[in-house]
């Protein structure tokens, strides 16, 4: 087997997929901050995950494996030298200095790209039928960044696994809270899909001490499979944002279970109206059960509470897509309004002193 070389933009959530790639015998390079790169290059990635049949968490280290893990800054990689490029940063981060230029180099390289962002890039949305791209541009921090990409070489992967960096640990440590799978839609080119399916197969065969390791990469023929995440995001993640603060995902979902079930079903209905198959969607009961163990607010909610002026706006994206086909939901409208208000407050900079 000739190892694949995968470039991953982002090393927080991206380190989970990078570790799976390296465990499968392939090579991964992550683009990240200098302090992160130094740790990954010195110690590798450290993933702690539940494994069926084992008590507690199993620690997996990338050091000494057949596949090679490396890390560097935006100027340290030539996108054309890789077989696959994975976008694992949050959408507003692609406008930051250095990363913005790298993203444009990625687009020009023509190397197939797979996003594992919650916010589906416009490059992927262009692959969906009857999508009004211009109406969606306001949902993005900088929508024109995605115009240079060939949509046929772009796909979306739903980042269903829940993972976080323990605050007391080094930046190269990631703990998996919910070990579900990455679910990717196919590319347009069969050769690119063959590469994805090779990764899928190699990752599926990973074992540690004879035990199967959770968090697989699953490839689906439908372009709409990653949309199954939308109902989870709108029912849980964005409902964490409150006018007076934030709340854990568990409380957002289970605080009013009937309202959550209604929201979840409405988003699933929207996805089916766009072309999704009901068989590819995750039942609400399964999601609600998983959400009962999610005891922290979502990353979007924590970012807003920490003063962020921009976040990924899947809530606004879904609202606009729904409006384009005549669908509307009161709870979603209220959620979008709350997020808008919180972000507007963060953007407002009060004067340093009051005029008497």
Protein backbone atom coordinates (compact mmCIF):
# COMPACT_ATOMS: atom_id res chain seq x y z
CA UNK A 1 0.00 0.00 0.00
CA UNK A 2 1.32 3.42 -0.94
CA UNK A 3 0.56 5.78 1.95
CA UNK A 4 -1.65 8.75 1.21
CA UNK A 5 -0.49 12.22 2.21
CA UNK A 6 -3.25 14.29 3.79
CA UNK A 7 -3.05 17.99 4.65
CA UNK A 8 -5.38 19.08 7.47
CA UNK A 9 -6.10 22.75 8.12
CA UNK A 10 -6.78 22.84 11.85
CA UNK A 11 -5.34 20.81 14.72
CA UNK A 12 -7.97 20.82 17.46
CA UNK A 13 -10.82 18.72 16.11
CA UNK A 14 -8.62 17.93 13.11
CA UNK A 15 -6.20 15.99 15.30
CA UNK A 16 -8.87 13.30 15.79
CA UNK A 17 -9.11 12.54 12.08
CA UNK A 18 -5.34 12.97 11.72
CA UNK A 19 -4.77 10.32 14.38
CA UNK A 20 -7.11 7.90 12.61
CA UNK A 21 -5.28 8.52 9.32
CA UNK A 22 -1.87 7.88 10.91
CA UNK A 23 -3.11 4.77 12.74
CA UNK A 24 -4.25 3.47 9.34
CA UNK A 25 -0.71 3.80 7.97
CA UNK A 26 -1.06 7.06 6.06
CA UNK A 27 0.59 10.44 6.63
CA UNK A 28 -1.04 13.61 7.91
CA UNK A 29 0.24 17.16 8.26
CA UNK A 30 -1.74 19.65 10.33
CA UNK A 31 -1.68 23.41 9.91
CA UNK A 32 -1.97 25.13 13.27
CA UNK A 33 -0.56 27.73 15.66
CA UNK A 34 3.19 27.65 16.49
CA UNK A 35 2.70 26.42 20.07
CA UNK A 36 0.47 23.62 18.81
CA UNK A 37 2.89 22.66 16.03
CA UNK A 38 5.81 22.44 18.46
CA UNK A 39 3.89 20.03 20.70
CA UNK A 40 2.64 17.83 17.86
CA UNK A 41 6.10 17.61 16.30
CA UNK A 42 7.74 16.81 19.65
CA UNK A 43 5.17 14.46 21.19
CA UNK A 44 2.65 13.58 18.50
CA UNK A 45 -1.10 13.65 19.07
CA UNK A 46 -2.65 12.09 22.16
CA UNK A 47 -6.27 10.95 21.87
CA UNK A 48 -8.26 9.62 24.81
CA UNK A 49 -11.37 7.74 23.80
CA UNK A 50 -13.86 5.24 25.17
CA UNK A 51 -13.42 1.79 23.63
CA UNK A 52 -16.09 -0.90 23.80
CA UNK A 53 -15.14 -3.60 26.28
CA UNK A 54 -12.62 -1.43 28.12
CA UNK A 55 -13.16 0.54 31.32
CA UNK A 56 -12.42 4.24 31.31
CA UNK A 57 -10.60 5.93 28.45
CA UNK A 58 -7.98 4.37 26.21
CA UNK A 59 -5.04 6.63 25.32
CA UNK A 60 -3.79 6.50 21.74
CA UNK A 61 -0.51 8.18 20.77
CA UNK A 62 0.67 8.79 17.22
CA UNK A 63 4.38 8.64 18.08
CA UNK A 64 6.15 5.59 16.66
CA UNK A 65 3.38 4.56 14.26
CA UNK A 66 3.87 3.53 10.63
CA UNK A 67 2.08 6.65 9.45
CA UNK A 68 3.74 10.00 10.06
CA UNK A 69 2.14 12.96 11.80
CA UNK A 70 3.64 16.45 11.45
CA UNK A 71 2.49 20.01 11.99
CA UNK A 72 3.40 23.50 10.86
CA UNK A 73 2.11 26.96 10.07
CA UNK A 74 0.27 28.24 6.98
CA UNK A 75 3.57 28.89 5.18
CA UNK A 76 4.93 25.38 5.81
CA UNK A 77 2.96 23.35 3.28
CA UNK A 78 2.56 23.13 -0.50
CA UNK A 79 -1.03 21.97 -1.06
CA UNK A 80 -0.10 20.48 -4.45
CA UNK A 81 2.14 17.93 -2.68
CA UNK A 82 -0.84 16.20 -1.02
CA UNK A 83 -3.42 13.65 -2.14
CA UNK A 84 -6.29 15.03 -0.04
CA UNK A 85 -6.86 18.25 1.87
CA UNK A 86 -9.15 18.36 4.91
CA UNK A 87 -10.64 21.62 6.17
CA UNK A 88 -11.01 21.34 9.95
CA UNK A 89 -11.04 24.95 11.17
CA UNK A 90 -14.18 26.86 12.05
CA UNK A 91 -15.41 28.88 9.10
CA UNK A 92 -14.47 32.40 10.32
CA UNK A 93 -10.86 31.29 10.86
CA UNK A 94 -10.25 31.03 7.11
CA UNK A 95 -10.26 34.84 6.93
CA UNK A 96 -7.31 35.14 9.30
CA UNK A 97 -3.88 36.27 8.02
CA UNK A 98 -1.84 33.45 6.51
CA UNK A 99 -4.73 30.97 6.55
CA UNK A 100 -6.59 33.05 3.98
CA UNK A 101 -3.66 32.85 1.56
CA UNK A 102 -3.21 29.14 2.19
CA UNK A 103 -6.87 28.49 1.45
CA UNK A 104 -6.53 30.21 -1.90
CA UNK A 105 -3.45 28.08 -2.65
CA UNK A 106 -5.49 25.00 -1.78
CA UNK A 107 -8.17 26.06 -4.27
CA UNK A 108 -5.60 26.69 -7.03
CA UNK A 109 -3.88 23.33 -6.42
CA UNK A 110 -6.87 21.35 -7.67
CA UNK A 111 -6.31 18.75 -4.93
CA UNK A 112 -9.64 17.26 -3.75
CA UNK A 113 -10.90 18.83 -0.50
CA UNK A 114 -13.08 17.40 2.24
CA UNK A 115 -14.57 19.76 4.81
CA UNK A 116 -15.27 18.50 8.34
CA UNK A 117 -16.67 21.88 9.37
CA UNK A 118 -20.15 22.19 10.84
CA UNK A 119 -20.69 25.08 8.41
CA UNK A 120 -20.78 23.63 4.87
CA UNK A 121 -18.59 25.80 2.61
CA UNK A 122 -20.27 27.42 -0.38
CA UNK A 123 -18.07 25.25 -2.61
CA UNK A 124 -20.07 22.23 -1.45
CA UNK A 125 -23.43 24.01 -1.46
CA UNK A 126 -22.92 24.63 -5.18
CA UNK A 127 -23.12 20.87 -5.74
CA UNK A 128 -26.69 20.78 -4.39
CA UNK A 129 -29.52 21.24 -6.91
CA UNK A 130 -31.52 24.49 -7.05
CA UNK A 131 -29.47 26.19 -4.33
CA UNK A 132 -29.53 30.01 -4.43
CA UNK A 133 -25.89 30.64 -3.58
CA UNK A 134 -26.13 34.44 -3.65
CA UNK A 135 -28.88 34.33 -1.01
CA UNK A 136 -26.57 32.34 1.29
CA UNK A 137 -23.49 34.57 1.07
CA UNK A 138 -24.46 36.71 4.07
CA UNK A 139 -24.25 33.59 6.27
CA UNK A 140 -20.47 33.41 5.80
CA UNK A 141 -17.69 35.50 7.32
CA UNK A 142 -16.15 35.93 3.84
CA UNK A 143 -18.13 34.07 1.22
CA UNK A 144 -15.89 34.96 -1.72
CA UNK A 145 -13.08 32.82 -0.25
CA UNK A 146 -14.92 29.75 -1.57
CA UNK A 147 -15.41 30.98 -5.12
CA UNK A 148 -12.00 29.79 -6.33
CA UNK A 149 -12.78 26.12 -5.58
CA UNK A 150 -14.02 23.64 -8.15
CA UNK A 151 -17.21 22.25 -6.55
CA UNK A 152 -16.62 18.90 -8.29
CA UNK A 153 -13.43 18.49 -6.23
CA UNK A 154 -15.09 19.40 -2.96
CA UNK A 155 -17.08 17.33 -0.51
CA UNK A 156 -18.53 17.58 2.99
CA UNK A 157 -18.08 15.27 5.94
CA UNK A 158 -20.38 15.47 8.95
CA UNK A 159 -18.23 15.77 12.10
CA UNK A 160 -20.51 13.73 14.36
CA UNK A 161 -17.92 12.71 16.99
CA UNK A 162 -17.87 14.99 20.05
CA UNK A 163 -14.38 15.81 21.32
CA UNK A 164 -12.69 18.54 23.34
CA UNK A 165 -9.31 19.63 24.59
CA UNK A 166 -9.15 19.15 28.38
CA UNK A 167 -8.29 22.63 29.72
CA UNK A 168 -5.72 21.26 32.16
CA UNK A 169 -3.81 19.34 29.45
CA UNK A 170 -1.37 20.30 26.71
CA UNK A 171 -2.73 21.41 23.34
CA UNK A 172 -1.88 18.08 21.70
CA UNK A 173 -4.33 16.18 23.92
CA UNK A 174 -7.89 15.58 22.71
CA UNK A 175 -10.57 13.70 24.63
CA UNK A 176 -13.45 12.03 22.79
CA UNK A 177 -16.75 12.46 24.58
CA UNK A 178 -19.02 10.83 22.00
CA UNK A 179 -17.23 8.32 19.70
CA UNK A 180 -19.51 8.39 16.66
CA UNK A 181 -18.41 8.41 13.01
CA UNK A 182 -17.31 10.92 10.39
CA UNK A 183 -19.88 10.68 7.55
CA UNK A 184 -18.66 11.92 4.18
CA UNK A 185 -20.52 12.47 0.92
CA UNK A 186 -18.83 11.31 -2.25
CA UNK A 187 -16.83 13.42 -4.67
CA UNK A 188 -17.89 13.77 -8.30
CA UNK A 189 -14.75 11.93 -9.57
CA UNK A 190 -14.62 8.12 -9.10
CA UNK A 191 -10.83 8.31 -8.61
CA UNK A 192 -11.26 10.67 -5.68
CA UNK A 193 -13.93 8.40 -4.22
CA UNK A 194 -11.59 5.42 -4.53
CA UNK A 195 -9.12 7.31 -2.37
CA UNK A 196 -11.82 8.06 0.23
CA UNK A 197 -12.90 4.44 0.29
CA UNK A 198 -9.31 3.32 0.78
CA UNK A 199 -9.12 5.57 3.84
CA UNK A 200 -12.50 4.27 4.98
CA UNK A 201 -11.33 0.66 4.74
CA UNK A 202 -7.94 1.23 6.34
CA UNK A 203 -9.43 3.17 9.26
CA UNK A 204 -12.10 0.48 9.75
CA UNK A 205 -9.37 -2.14 10.24
CA UNK A 206 -7.60 -0.30 13.07
CA UNK A 207 -7.32 -2.16 16.37
CA UNK A 208 -5.56 -1.31 19.63
CA UNK A 209 -4.59 -4.26 21.83
CA UNK A 210 -6.90 -6.41 19.74
CA UNK A 211 -9.89 -4.14 20.31
CA UNK A 212 -11.82 -2.30 17.63
CA UNK A 213 -11.28 1.47 17.85
CA UNK A 214 -14.37 3.72 17.51
CA UNK A 215 -14.74 6.79 15.28
CA UNK A 216 -14.74 5.53 11.71
CA UNK A 217 -14.82 7.31 8.36
CA UNK A 218 -17.96 6.33 6.46
CA UNK A 219 -18.51 7.24 2.80
CA UNK A 220 -22.03 7.71 1.38
CA UNK A 221 -23.26 8.10 -2.18
CA UNK A 222 -25.81 10.74 -1.14
CA UNK A 223 -24.71 14.39 -0.99
CA UNK A 224 -27.27 14.96 1.76
CA UNK A 225 -25.96 12.58 4.43
CA UNK A 226 -23.87 15.31 6.14
CA UNK A 227 -27.06 17.34 6.55
CA UNK A 228 -28.15 14.91 9.27
CA UNK A 229 -25.93 17.01 11.55
CA UNK A 230 -28.10 20.10 10.98
CA UNK A 231 -30.96 18.80 13.12
CA UNK A 232 -28.49 18.12 15.96
CA UNK A 233 -26.91 21.57 15.68
CA UNK A 234 -30.23 23.41 15.63
CA UNK A 235 -31.76 21.33 18.42
CA UNK A 236 -28.72 21.30 20.70
CA UNK A 237 -25.69 23.44 19.85
CA UNK A 238 -27.40 26.71 18.95
CA UNK A 239 -30.06 26.28 21.63
CA UNK A 240 -27.23 26.56 24.15
CA UNK A 241 -27.08 30.29 23.37
CA UNK A 242 -29.37 32.26 25.69
CA UNK A 243 -29.93 35.98 25.95
CA UNK A 244 -28.50 35.98 29.48
CA UNK A 245 -25.72 33.40 29.03
CA UNK A 246 -25.25 29.82 27.87
CA UNK A 247 -26.33 26.35 28.95
CA UNK A 248 -25.07 22.79 28.39
CA UNK A 249 -26.20 20.83 25.34
CA UNK A 250 -27.95 18.38 27.66
CA UNK A 251 -30.10 21.15 29.13
CA UNK A 252 -30.78 22.67 25.72
CA UNK A 253 -32.16 19.36 24.47
CA UNK A 254 -33.79 17.95 27.60
CA UNK A 255 -35.05 21.22 29.12
CA UNK A 256 -38.11 20.98 26.86
CA UNK A 257 -37.94 17.61 25.16
CA UNK A 258 -41.15 18.11 23.19
CA UNK A 259 -39.91 21.39 21.69
CA UNK A 260 -36.58 19.75 20.90
CA UNK A 261 -38.29 16.85 19.14
CA UNK A 262 -40.36 19.32 17.11
CA UNK A 263 -37.30 21.32 16.06
CA UNK A 264 -35.36 18.16 15.19
CA UNK A 265 -38.22 16.80 13.07
CA UNK A 266 -38.61 20.13 11.25
CA UNK A 267 -34.93 20.28 10.26
CA UNK A 268 -35.07 16.66 9.13
CA UNK A 269 -38.13 17.55 7.03
CA UNK A 270 -36.19 20.40 5.44
CA UNK A 271 -33.31 18.07 4.57
CA UNK A 272 -35.73 15.61 2.96
CA UNK A 273 -37.32 18.43 0.98
CA UNK A 274 -33.87 19.21 -0.41
CA UNK A 275 -33.24 15.58 -1.36
CA UNK A 276 -32.10 13.68 1.74
CA UNK A 277 -33.21 10.11 2.35
CA UNK A 278 -34.97 9.48 5.66
CA UNK A 279 -32.89 6.31 6.04
CA UNK A 280 -29.71 8.40 6.29
CA UNK A 281 -31.02 10.57 9.13
CA UNK A 282 -30.36 9.95 12.81
CA UNK A 283 -33.51 9.27 14.89
CA UNK A 284 -34.26 11.94 17.49
CA UNK A 285 -34.33 9.38 20.31
CA UNK A 286 -30.76 8.32 19.53
CA UNK A 287 -29.57 11.93 19.47
CA UNK A 288 -31.44 12.83 22.67
CA UNK A 289 -29.88 9.87 24.44
CA UNK A 290 -26.41 10.93 23.32
CA UNK A 291 -27.10 14.55 24.30
CA UNK A 292 -27.82 13.50 27.89
CA UNK A 293 -24.06 13.03 28.37
CA UNK A 294 -23.06 16.38 26.81
CA UNK A 295 -22.61 18.42 29.97
CA UNK A 296 -20.92 21.50 28.48
CA UNK A 297 -22.22 24.26 26.22
CA UNK A 298 -21.44 23.94 22.53
CA UNK A 299 -18.29 25.49 21.12
CA UNK A 300 -20.41 28.14 19.37
CA UNK A 301 -22.08 29.08 22.65
CA UNK A 302 -18.77 29.18 24.52
CA UNK A 303 -17.28 31.37 21.80
CA UNK A 304 -20.13 33.87 22.03
CA UNK A 305 -19.94 33.92 25.81
CA UNK A 306 -16.20 34.54 25.50
CA UNK A 307 -16.74 37.64 23.37
CA UNK A 308 -16.44 36.23 19.83
CA UNK A 309 -17.69 38.59 17.13
CA UNK A 310 -18.13 35.90 14.49
CA UNK A 311 -19.03 32.21 14.70
CA UNK A 312 -20.20 29.57 12.25
CA UNK A 313 -23.80 30.48 11.39
CA UNK A 314 -25.44 27.18 10.52
CA UNK A 315 -28.58 28.55 12.20
CA UNK A 316 -28.76 31.44 9.74
CA UNK A 317 -27.84 29.20 6.79
CA UNK A 318 -30.66 26.75 7.55
CA UNK A 319 -33.11 29.63 8.04
CA UNK A 320 -32.29 31.07 4.61
CA UNK A 321 -32.36 27.73 2.83
CA UNK A 322 -35.75 26.99 4.39
CA UNK A 323 -37.12 30.38 3.34
CA UNK A 324 -36.04 29.70 -0.25
CA UNK A 325 -38.45 26.74 -0.43
CA UNK A 326 -41.24 28.30 1.65
CA UNK A 327 -40.47 26.73 5.03
CA UNK A 328 -40.31 28.58 8.37
CA UNK A 329 -39.96 27.67 12.04
CA UNK A 330 -40.68 30.01 14.98
CA UNK A 331 -38.07 28.49 17.30
CA UNK A 332 -35.39 28.74 14.62
CA UNK A 333 -36.31 32.38 14.00
CA UNK A 334 -35.98 33.08 17.73
CA UNK A 335 -32.64 31.26 17.86
CA UNK A 336 -31.25 33.30 14.95
CA UNK A 337 -32.46 36.49 16.63
CA UNK A 338 -30.75 35.60 19.93
CA UNK A 339 -27.46 34.71 18.23
CA UNK A 340 -27.61 37.94 16.23
CA UNK A 341 -28.18 39.96 19.41
CA UNK A 342 -25.34 38.29 21.28
CA UNK A 343 -22.90 38.79 18.40
CA UNK A 344 -23.99 42.41 17.96
CA UNK A 345 -23.34 42.99 21.65
CA UNK A 346 -19.86 41.50 21.31
CA UNK A 347 -19.14 43.69 18.30
CA UNK A 348 -20.12 46.84 20.19
CA UNK A 349 -17.13 48.40 21.85
CA UNK A 350 -18.18 50.79 24.63
CA UNK A 351 -16.27 54.06 25.05
CA UNK A 352 -13.32 54.08 27.42
CA UNK A 353 -14.94 56.83 29.49
CA UNK A 354 -18.30 58.46 29.93
CA UNK A 355 -18.91 62.05 28.98
CA UNK A 356 -20.47 63.93 31.91
